[in-house]
Amino acid sequence: MMSNPWLKKNPYMSMWLSGANSLANTARGKIAGHAKRQSTAALNKASRDIVSFWTGAFSAPLKSAKSVRRKKR
């Protein structure tokens, strides 16, 4: 009985696939980390904006530096 050459293990293909999987997993991890950092930053900014809106609603608006003029001597 003759063995099928298509079913034999190929060490070069195995090494190539192993490297490709490693690279794909590294890229996937970096993309997931970047997406998580972006979503965290967006949530933090939204929280700051909401808090500043509500705390600003209860206090008087601040005068800008241009509207406050010093007396000349």
C-alpha atoms as a PDB file:
ATOM      1  CA  MET A   1       0.000   0.000   0.000  1.00  0.00           C
ATOM      2  CA  MET A   2       1.364   3.403  -0.996  1.00  0.00           C
ATOM      3  CA  SER A   3       0.935   6.411   1.329  1.00  0.00           C
ATOM      4  CA  ASN A   4      -0.714   9.549   0.076  1.00  0.00           C
ATOM      5  CA  PRO A   5       1.921  12.342  -0.274  1.00  0.00           C
ATOM      6  CA  TRP A   6      -0.755  15.004   0.410  1.00  0.00           C
ATOM      7  CA  LEU A   7      -1.343  13.641   3.909  1.00  0.00           C
ATOM      8  CA  LYS A   8       2.308  13.711   4.999  1.00  0.00           C
ATOM      9  CA  LYS A   9       3.409  16.370   7.477  1.00  0.00           C
ATOM     10  CA  ASN A  10       5.346  19.240   5.972  1.00  0.00           C
ATOM     11  CA  PRO A  11       7.726  20.839   8.507  1.00  0.00           C
ATOM     12  CA  TYR A  12       8.195  23.973   6.389  1.00  0.00           C
ATOM     13  CA  MET A  13       4.441  24.535   6.094  1.00  0.00           C
ATOM     14  CA  SER A  14       4.099  23.947   9.816  1.00  0.00           C
ATOM     15  CA  MET A  15       6.775  26.540  10.627  1.00  0.00           C
ATOM     16  CA  TRP A  16       5.257  29.031   8.191  1.00  0.00           C
ATOM     17  CA  LEU A  17       1.759  28.626   9.627  1.00  0.00           C
ATOM     18  CA  SER A  18       3.086  28.877  13.165  1.00  0.00           C
ATOM     19  CA  GLY A  19       4.815  32.152  12.342  1.00  0.00           C
ATOM     20  CA  ALA A  20       1.749  33.493  10.528  1.00  0.00           C
ATOM     21  CA  ASN A  21      -0.491  32.634  13.499  1.00  0.00           C
ATOM     22  CA  SER A  22       1.932  34.284  15.904  1.00  0.00           C
ATOM     23  CA  LEU A  23       1.989  37.449  13.795  1.00  0.00           C
ATOM     24  CA  ALA A  24      -1.803  37.486  13.443  1.00  0.00           C
ATOM     25  CA  ASN A  25      -2.284  37.068  17.207  1.00  0.00           C
ATOM     26  CA  THR A  26       0.169  39.868  17.935  1.00  0.00           C
ATOM     27  CA  ALA A  27      -1.631  42.192  15.515  1.00  0.00           C
ATOM     28  CA  ARG A  28      -5.020  41.222  16.961  1.00  0.00           C
ATOM     29  CA  GLY A  29      -3.793  41.981  20.486  1.00  0.00           C
ATOM     30  CA  LYS A  30      -2.420  45.379  19.485  1.00  0.00           C
ATOM     31  CA  ILE A  31      -5.634  46.301  17.671  1.00  0.00           C
ATOM     32  CA  ALA A  32      -7.776  45.207  20.625  1.00  0.00           C
ATOM     33  CA  GLY A  33      -5.601  47.188  23.047  1.00  0.00           C
ATOM     34  CA  HIS A  34      -5.796  50.289  20.886  1.00  0.00           C
ATOM     35  CA  ALA A  35      -9.576  49.996  20.601  1.00  0.00           C
ATOM     36  CA  LYS A  36      -9.873  49.609  24.378  1.00  0.00           C
ATOM     37  CA  ARG A  37      -7.708  52.693  24.984  1.00  0.00           C
ATOM     38  CA  GLN A  38      -9.814  54.725  22.544  1.00  0.00           C
ATOM     39  CA  SER A  39     -13.105  53.668  24.121  1.00  0.00           C
ATOM     40  CA  THR A  40     -11.779  54.379  27.618  1.00  0.00           C
ATOM     41  CA  ALA A  41     -10.592  57.824  26.516  1.00  0.00           C
ATOM     42  CA  ALA A  42     -13.978  58.571  24.919  1.00  0.00           C
ATOM     43  CA  LEU A  43     -15.851  57.518  28.066  1.00  0.00           C
ATOM     44  CA  ASN A  44     -13.544  59.603  30.279  1.00  0.00           C
ATOM     45  CA  LYS A  45     -14.029  62.666  28.072  1.00  0.00           C
ATOM     46  CA  ALA A  46     -17.800  62.201  28.052  1.00  0.00           C
ATOM     47  CA  SER A  47     -17.828  61.897  31.848  1.00  0.00           C
ATOM     48  CA  ARG A  48     -15.728  65.056  32.229  1.00  0.00           C
ATOM     49  CA  ASP A  49     -17.991  66.944  29.828  1.00  0.00           C
ATOM     50  CA  ILE A  50     -21.133  65.854  31.683  1.00  0.00           C
ATOM     51  CA  VAL A  51     -19.703  66.763  35.088  1.00  0.00           C
ATOM     52  CA  SER A  52     -18.430  70.134  33.865  1.00  0.00           C
ATOM     53  CA  PHE A  53     -21.815  70.875  32.262  1.00  0.00           C
ATOM     54  CA  TRP A  54     -23.761  70.170  35.439  1.00  0.00           C
ATOM     55  CA  THR A  55     -21.302  71.842  37.802  1.00  0.00           C
ATOM     56  CA  GLY A  56     -21.058  74.837  35.491  1.00  0.00           C
ATOM     57  CA  ALA A  57     -24.842  75.186  35.437  1.00  0.00           C
ATOM     58  CA  PHE A  58     -24.917  75.906  39.187  1.00  0.00           C
ATOM     59  CA  SER A  59     -22.129  78.469  39.274  1.00  0.00           C
ATOM     60  CA  ALA A  60     -21.769  81.895  37.718  1.00  0.00           C
ATOM     61  CA  PRO A  61     -19.747  82.108  34.512  1.00  0.00           C
ATOM     62  CA  LEU A  62     -16.119  83.044  35.063  1.00  0.00           C
ATOM     63  CA  LYS A  63     -14.842  86.342  33.737  1.00  0.00           C
ATOM     64  CA  SER A  64     -12.186  86.022  31.090  1.00  0.00           C
ATOM     65  CA  ALA A  65      -8.778  87.612  31.492  1.00  0.00           C
ATOM     66  CA  LYS A  66      -9.561  90.080  28.709  1.00  0.00           C
ATOM     67  CA  SER A  67     -12.642  91.449  30.480  1.00  0.00           C
ATOM     68  CA  VAL A  68     -10.729  92.122  33.703  1.00  0.00           C
ATOM     69  CA  ARG A  69      -8.496  95.147  33.125  1.00  0.00           C
ATOM     70  CA  ARG A  70      -5.975  96.456  35.576  1.00  0.00           C
ATOM     71  CA  LYS A  71      -5.757 100.093  36.493  1.00  0.00           C
ATOM     72  CA  LYS A  72      -2.791 101.908  35.020  1.00  0.00           C
ATOM     73  CA  ARG A  73      -0.637 103.859  37.444  1.00  0.00           C
END
